[in-house]
PDB file of N, CA and C in Angstrom:
ATOM      1  N   MET A   1      15.807  21.558 -55.324  1.00  0.00           N
ATOM      2  CA  MET A   1      14.376  21.486 -55.110  1.00  0.00           C
ATOM      3  C   MET A   1      13.871  20.056 -55.290  1.00  0.00           C
ATOM      4  N   LYS A   2      14.407  19.351 -56.265  1.00  0.00           N
ATOM      5  CA  LYS A   2      13.969  17.983 -56.517  1.00  0.00           C
ATOM      6  C   LYS A   2      14.278  17.044 -55.347  1.00  0.00           C
ATOM      7  N   PRO A   3      15.458  17.165 -54.693  1.00  0.00           N
ATOM      8  CA  PRO A   3      15.711  16.272 -53.554  1.00  0.00           C
ATOM      9  C   PRO A   3      14.730  16.517 -52.396  1.00  0.00           C
ATOM     10  N   ILE A   4      14.308  17.756 -52.222  1.00  0.00           N
ATOM     11  CA  ILE A   4      13.352  18.058 -51.155  1.00  0.00           C
ATOM     12  C   ILE A   4      12.003  17.433 -51.476  1.00  0.00           C
ATOM     13  N   LEU A   5      11.606  17.487 -52.739  1.00  0.00           N
ATOM     14  CA  LEU A   5      10.343  16.885 -53.156  1.00  0.00           C
ATOM     15  C   LEU A   5      10.396  15.365 -53.006  1.00  0.00           C
ATOM     16  N   ALA A   6      11.516  14.764 -53.381  1.00  0.00           N
ATOM     17  CA  ALA A   6      11.674  13.314 -53.235  1.00  0.00           C
ATOM     18  C   ALA A   6      11.656  12.926 -51.756  1.00  0.00           C
ATOM     19  N   LEU A   7      12.281  13.719 -50.926  1.00  0.00           N
ATOM     20  CA  LEU A   7      12.305  13.457 -49.493  1.00  0.00           C
ATOM     21  C   LEU A   7      10.910  13.594 -48.896  1.00  0.00           C
ATOM     22  N   ALA A   8      10.151  14.554 -49.368  1.00  0.00           N
ATOM     23  CA  ALA A   8       8.785  14.748 -48.882  1.00  0.00           C
ATOM     24  C   ALA A   8       7.883  13.588 -49.281  1.00  0.00           C
ATOM     25  N   LEU A   9       8.185  12.939 -50.365  1.00  0.00           N
ATOM     26  CA  LEU A   9       7.384  11.794 -50.804  1.00  0.00           C
ATOM     27  C   LEU A   9       7.781  10.501 -50.088  1.00  0.00           C
ATOM     28  N   VAL A  10       9.040  10.410 -49.663  1.00  0.00           N
ATOM     29  CA  VAL A  10       9.536   9.186 -49.016  1.00  0.00           C
ATOM     30  C   VAL A  10       9.243   9.185 -47.518  1.00  0.00           C
ATOM     31  N   LEU A  11       9.340  10.306 -46.859  1.00  0.00           N
ATOM     32  CA  LEU A  11       9.186  10.363 -45.401  1.00  0.00           C
ATOM     33  C   LEU A  11       7.826   9.889 -44.893  1.00  0.00           C
ATOM     34  N   PRO A  12       6.718  10.212 -45.523  1.00  0.00           N
ATOM     35  CA  PRO A  12       5.434   9.730 -44.992  1.00  0.00           C
ATOM     36  C   PRO A  12       5.299   8.205 -44.979  1.00  0.00           C
ATOM     37  N   THR A  13       6.037   7.507 -45.828  1.00  0.00           N
ATOM     38  CA  THR A  13       5.944   6.047 -45.829  1.00  0.00           C
ATOM     39  C   THR A  13       6.546   5.450 -44.573  1.00  0.00           C
ATOM     40  N   THR A  14       7.487   6.153 -43.938  1.00  0.00           N
ATOM     41  CA  THR A  14       8.065   5.637 -42.697  1.00  0.00           C
ATOM     42  C   THR A  14       7.076   5.743 -41.541  1.00  0.00           C
ATOM     43  N   ALA A  15       6.064   6.567 -41.691  1.00  0.00           N
ATOM     44  CA  ALA A  15       5.069   6.727 -40.637  1.00  0.00           C
ATOM     45  C   ALA A  15       4.048   5.601 -40.642  1.00  0.00           C
ATOM     46  N   LEU A  16       4.098   4.737 -41.604  1.00  0.00           N
ATOM     47  CA  LEU A  16       3.158   3.624 -41.689  1.00  0.00           C
ATOM     48  C   LEU A  16       3.704   2.410 -40.931  1.00  0.00           C
ATOM     49  N   ALA A  17       4.139   2.633 -39.735  1.00  0.00           N
ATOM     50  CA  ALA A  17       4.709   1.562 -38.923  1.00  0.00           C
ATOM     51  C   ALA A  17       3.608   0.711 -38.311  1.00  0.00           C
ATOM     52  N   GLU A  18       3.994  -0.432 -37.812  1.00  0.00           N
ATOM     53  CA  GLU A  18       3.052  -1.353 -37.183  1.00  0.00           C
ATOM     54  C   GLU A  18       2.616  -0.797 -35.827  1.00  0.00           C
ATOM     55  N   ALA A  19       1.389  -1.056 -35.445  1.00  0.00           N
ATOM     56  CA  ALA A  19       0.869  -0.570 -34.168  1.00  0.00           C
ATOM     57  C   ALA A  19       1.594  -1.245 -33.011  1.00  0.00           C
ATOM     58  N   PHE A  20       1.703  -0.526 -31.905  1.00  0.00           N
ATOM     59  CA  PHE A  20       2.389  -1.042 -30.725  1.00  0.00           C
ATOM     60  C   PHE A  20       1.498  -2.045 -30.004  1.00  0.00           C
ATOM     61  N   ASP A  21       2.033  -3.234 -29.746  1.00  0.00           N
ATOM     62  CA  ASP A  21       1.315  -4.253 -28.985  1.00  0.00           C
ATOM     63  C   ASP A  21       1.840  -4.241 -27.558  1.00  0.00           C
ATOM     64  N   ARG A  22       0.958  -3.958 -26.613  1.00  0.00           N
ATOM     65  CA  ARG A  22       1.383  -3.902 -25.223  1.00  0.00           C
ATOM     66  C   ARG A  22       1.757  -5.293 -24.740  1.00  0.00           C
ATOM     67  N   PRO A  23       2.827  -5.400 -23.935  1.00  0.00           N
ATOM     68  CA  PRO A  23       3.209  -6.712 -23.420  1.00  0.00           C
ATOM     69  C   PRO A  23       2.190  -7.214 -22.400  1.00  0.00           C
ATOM     70  N   ILE A  24       1.966  -8.502 -22.415  1.00  0.00           N
ATOM     71  CA  ILE A  24       1.021  -9.119 -21.482  1.00  0.00           C
ATOM     72  C   ILE A  24       1.805  -9.540 -20.245  1.00  0.00           C
ATOM     73  N   PRO A  25       1.417  -9.074 -19.060  1.00  0.00           N
ATOM     74  CA  PRO A  25       2.157  -9.458 -17.860  1.00  0.00           C
ATOM     75  C   PRO A  25       2.022 -10.959 -17.584  1.00  0.00           C
ATOM     76  N   GLN A  26       3.118 -11.547 -17.174  1.00  0.00           N
ATOM     77  CA  GLN A  26       3.130 -12.972 -16.868  1.00  0.00           C
ATOM     78  C   GLN A  26       2.739 -13.179 -15.405  1.00  0.00           C
ATOM     79  N   PRO A  27       2.110 -14.307 -15.074  1.00  0.00           N
ATOM     80  CA  PRO A  27       1.774 -14.569 -13.676  1.00  0.00           C
ATOM     81  C   PRO A  27       3.039 -14.779 -12.848  1.00  0.00           C
ATOM     82  N   GLN A  28       2.963 -14.405 -11.595  1.00  0.00           N
ATOM     83  CA  GLN A  28       4.110 -14.528 -10.705  1.00  0.00           C
ATOM     84  C   GLN A  28       4.281 -15.980 -10.289  1.00  0.00           C
ATOM     85  N   THR A  29       5.480 -16.491 -10.378  1.00  0.00           N
ATOM     86  CA  THR A  29       5.749 -17.884 -10.049  1.00  0.00           C
ATOM     87  C   THR A  29       6.006 -18.038  -8.551  1.00  0.00           C
ATOM     88  N   GLU A  30       5.980 -19.280  -8.084  1.00  0.00           N
ATOM     89  CA  GLU A  30       6.248 -19.542  -6.668  1.00  0.00           C
ATOM     90  C   GLU A  30       7.689 -19.210  -6.315  1.00  0.00           C
ATOM     91  N   ALA A  31       8.599 -19.439  -7.240  1.00  0.00           N
ATOM     92  CA  ALA A  31      10.006 -19.106  -6.992  1.00  0.00           C
ATOM     93  C   ALA A  31      10.179 -17.594  -6.826  1.00  0.00           C
ATOM     94  N   ALA A  32       9.485 -16.821  -7.641  1.00  0.00           N
ATOM     95  CA  ALA A  32       9.585 -15.364  -7.529  1.00  0.00           C
ATOM     96  C   ALA A  32       8.998 -14.895  -6.211  1.00  0.00           C
ATOM     97  N   GLU A  33       7.891 -15.497  -5.785  1.00  0.00           N
ATOM     98  CA  GLU A  33       7.304 -15.124  -4.492  1.00  0.00           C
ATOM     99  C   GLU A  33       8.244 -15.466  -3.348  1.00  0.00           C
ATOM    100  N   PHE A  34       8.909 -16.626  -3.430  1.00  0.00           N
ATOM    101  CA  PHE A  34       9.850 -17.022  -2.377  1.00  0.00           C
ATOM    102  C   PHE A  34      10.998 -16.035  -2.270  1.00  0.00           C
ATOM    103  N   TRP A  35      11.613 -15.678  -3.405  1.00  0.00           N
ATOM    104  CA  TRP A  35      12.748 -14.767  -3.360  1.00  0.00           C
ATOM    105  C   TRP A  35      12.323 -13.351  -2.971  1.00  0.00           C
ATOM    106  N   PHE A  36      11.109 -12.951  -3.309  1.00  0.00           N
ATOM    107  CA  PHE A  36      10.611 -11.659  -2.841  1.00  0.00           C
ATOM    108  C   PHE A  36      10.457 -11.677  -1.326  1.00  0.00           C
ATOM    109  N   PHE A  37       9.969 -12.806  -0.775  1.00  0.00           N
ATOM    110  CA  PHE A  37       9.837 -12.943   0.676  1.00  0.00           C
ATOM    111  C   PHE A  37      11.208 -12.900   1.342  1.00  0.00           C
ATOM    112  N   VAL A  38      12.184 -13.601   0.786  1.00  0.00           N
ATOM    113  CA  VAL A  38      13.537 -13.597   1.350  1.00  0.00           C
ATOM    114  C   VAL A  38      14.115 -12.183   1.324  1.00  0.00           C
ATOM    115  N   GLY A  39      13.931 -11.479   0.232  1.00  0.00           N
ATOM    116  CA  GLY A  39      14.427 -10.107   0.141  1.00  0.00           C
ATOM    117  C   GLY A  39      13.728  -9.176   1.111  1.00  0.00           C
ATOM    118  N   SER A  40      12.432  -9.379   1.311  1.00  0.00           N
ATOM    119  CA  SER A  40      11.681  -8.541   2.253  1.00  0.00           C
ATOM    120  C   SER A  40      12.151  -8.767   3.678  1.00  0.00           C
ATOM    121  N   VAL A  41      12.365 -10.029   4.050  1.00  0.00           N
ATOM    122  CA  VAL A  41      12.844 -10.340   5.402  1.00  0.00           C
ATOM    123  C   VAL A  41      14.244  -9.773   5.605  1.00  0.00           C
ATOM    124  N   ALA A  42      15.107  -9.897   4.601  1.00  0.00           N
ATOM    125  CA  ALA A  42      16.463  -9.339   4.703  1.00  0.00           C
ATOM    126  C   ALA A  42      16.419  -7.829   4.861  1.00  0.00           C
ATOM    127  N   LEU A  43      15.521  -7.163   4.159  1.00  0.00           N
ATOM    128  CA  LEU A  43      15.396  -5.711   4.278  1.00  0.00           C
ATOM    129  C   LEU A  43      14.949  -5.310   5.675  1.00  0.00           C
ATOM    130  N   VAL A  44      13.953  -6.010   6.202  1.00  0.00           N
ATOM    131  CA  VAL A  44      13.461  -5.689   7.547  1.00  0.00           C
ATOM    132  C   VAL A  44      14.549  -5.938   8.583  1.00  0.00           C
ATOM    133  N   LEU A  45      15.275  -7.058   8.460  1.00  0.00           N
ATOM    134  CA  LEU A  45      16.352  -7.350   9.413  1.00  0.00           C
ATOM    135  C   LEU A  45      17.463  -6.311   9.337  1.00  0.00           C
ATOM    136  N   SER A  46      17.785  -5.857   8.140  1.00  0.00           N
ATOM    137  CA  SER A  46      18.826  -4.837   8.022  1.00  0.00           C
ATOM    138  C   SER A  46      18.353  -3.506   8.599  1.00  0.00           C
ATOM    139  N   LEU A  47      17.081  -3.176   8.453  1.00  0.00           N
ATOM    140  CA  LEU A  47      16.565  -1.949   9.059  1.00  0.00           C
ATOM    141  C   LEU A  47      16.590  -2.032  10.580  1.00  0.00           C
ATOM    142  N   VAL A  48      16.274  -3.206  11.125  1.00  0.00           N
ATOM    143  CA  VAL A  48      16.337  -3.391  12.581  1.00  0.00           C
ATOM    144  C   VAL A  48      17.781  -3.265  13.060  1.00  0.00           C
ATOM    145  N   ALA A  49      18.718  -3.845  12.326  1.00  0.00           N
ATOM    146  CA  ALA A  49      20.132  -3.752  12.703  1.00  0.00           C
ATOM    147  C   ALA A  49      20.623  -2.311  12.670  1.00  0.00           C
ATOM    148  N   VAL A  50      20.225  -1.564  11.673  1.00  0.00           N
ATOM    149  CA  VAL A  50      20.626  -0.154  11.595  1.00  0.00           C
ATOM    150  C   VAL A  50      20.017   0.629  12.745  1.00  0.00           C
ATOM    151  N   GLN A  51      18.768   0.348  13.082  1.00  0.00           N
ATOM    152  CA  GLN A  51      18.122   1.049  14.192  1.00  0.00           C
ATOM    153  C   GLN A  51      18.852   0.752  15.503  1.00  0.00           C
ATOM    154  N   MET A  52      19.247  -0.502  15.705  1.00  0.00           N
ATOM    155  CA  MET A  52      19.974  -0.861  16.937  1.00  0.00           C
ATOM    156  C   MET A  52      21.339  -0.179  16.986  1.00  0.00           C
ATOM    157  N   LEU A  53      22.025  -0.112  15.855  1.00  0.00           N
ATOM    158  CA  LEU A  53      23.345   0.527  15.834  1.00  0.00           C
ATOM    159  C   LEU A  53      23.243   2.032  16.055  1.00  0.00           C
ATOM    160  N   VAL A  54      22.220   2.650  15.502  1.00  0.00           N
ATOM    161  CA  VAL A  54      22.092   4.099  15.614  1.00  0.00           C
ATOM    162  C   VAL A  54      21.610   4.490  17.004  1.00  0.00           C
ATOM    163  N   SER A  55      20.787   3.663  17.641  1.00  0.00           N
ATOM    164  CA  SER A  55      20.213   4.043  18.927  1.00  0.00           C
ATOM    165  C   SER A  55      21.206   3.894  20.076  1.00  0.00           C
ATOM    166  N   ARG A  56      22.302   3.172  19.892  1.00  0.00           N
ATOM    167  CA  ARG A  56      23.318   3.050  20.952  1.00  0.00           C
ATOM    168  C   ARG A  56      24.080   4.349  21.087  1.00  0.00           C
ATOM    169  N   ARG A  57      24.235   4.789  22.357  1.00  0.00           N
ATOM    170  CA  ARG A  57      25.023   6.019  22.582  1.00  0.00           C
ATOM    171  C   ARG A  57      25.962   5.825  23.713  1.00  0.00           C
TER     172      ARG A  57
END
């Protein structure tokens, strides 16, 4: 019985944790915009290539 009482007294102290601080989003850099553009163009070109390959019969 005593260990249960001791455990009941210790457990609530773990609930006194620090509040969660939400991360602040960072601004997008020019390098990130460039690589996003390159990836977007590559995706569109690959979709066009797949469409051309599939449409041939």
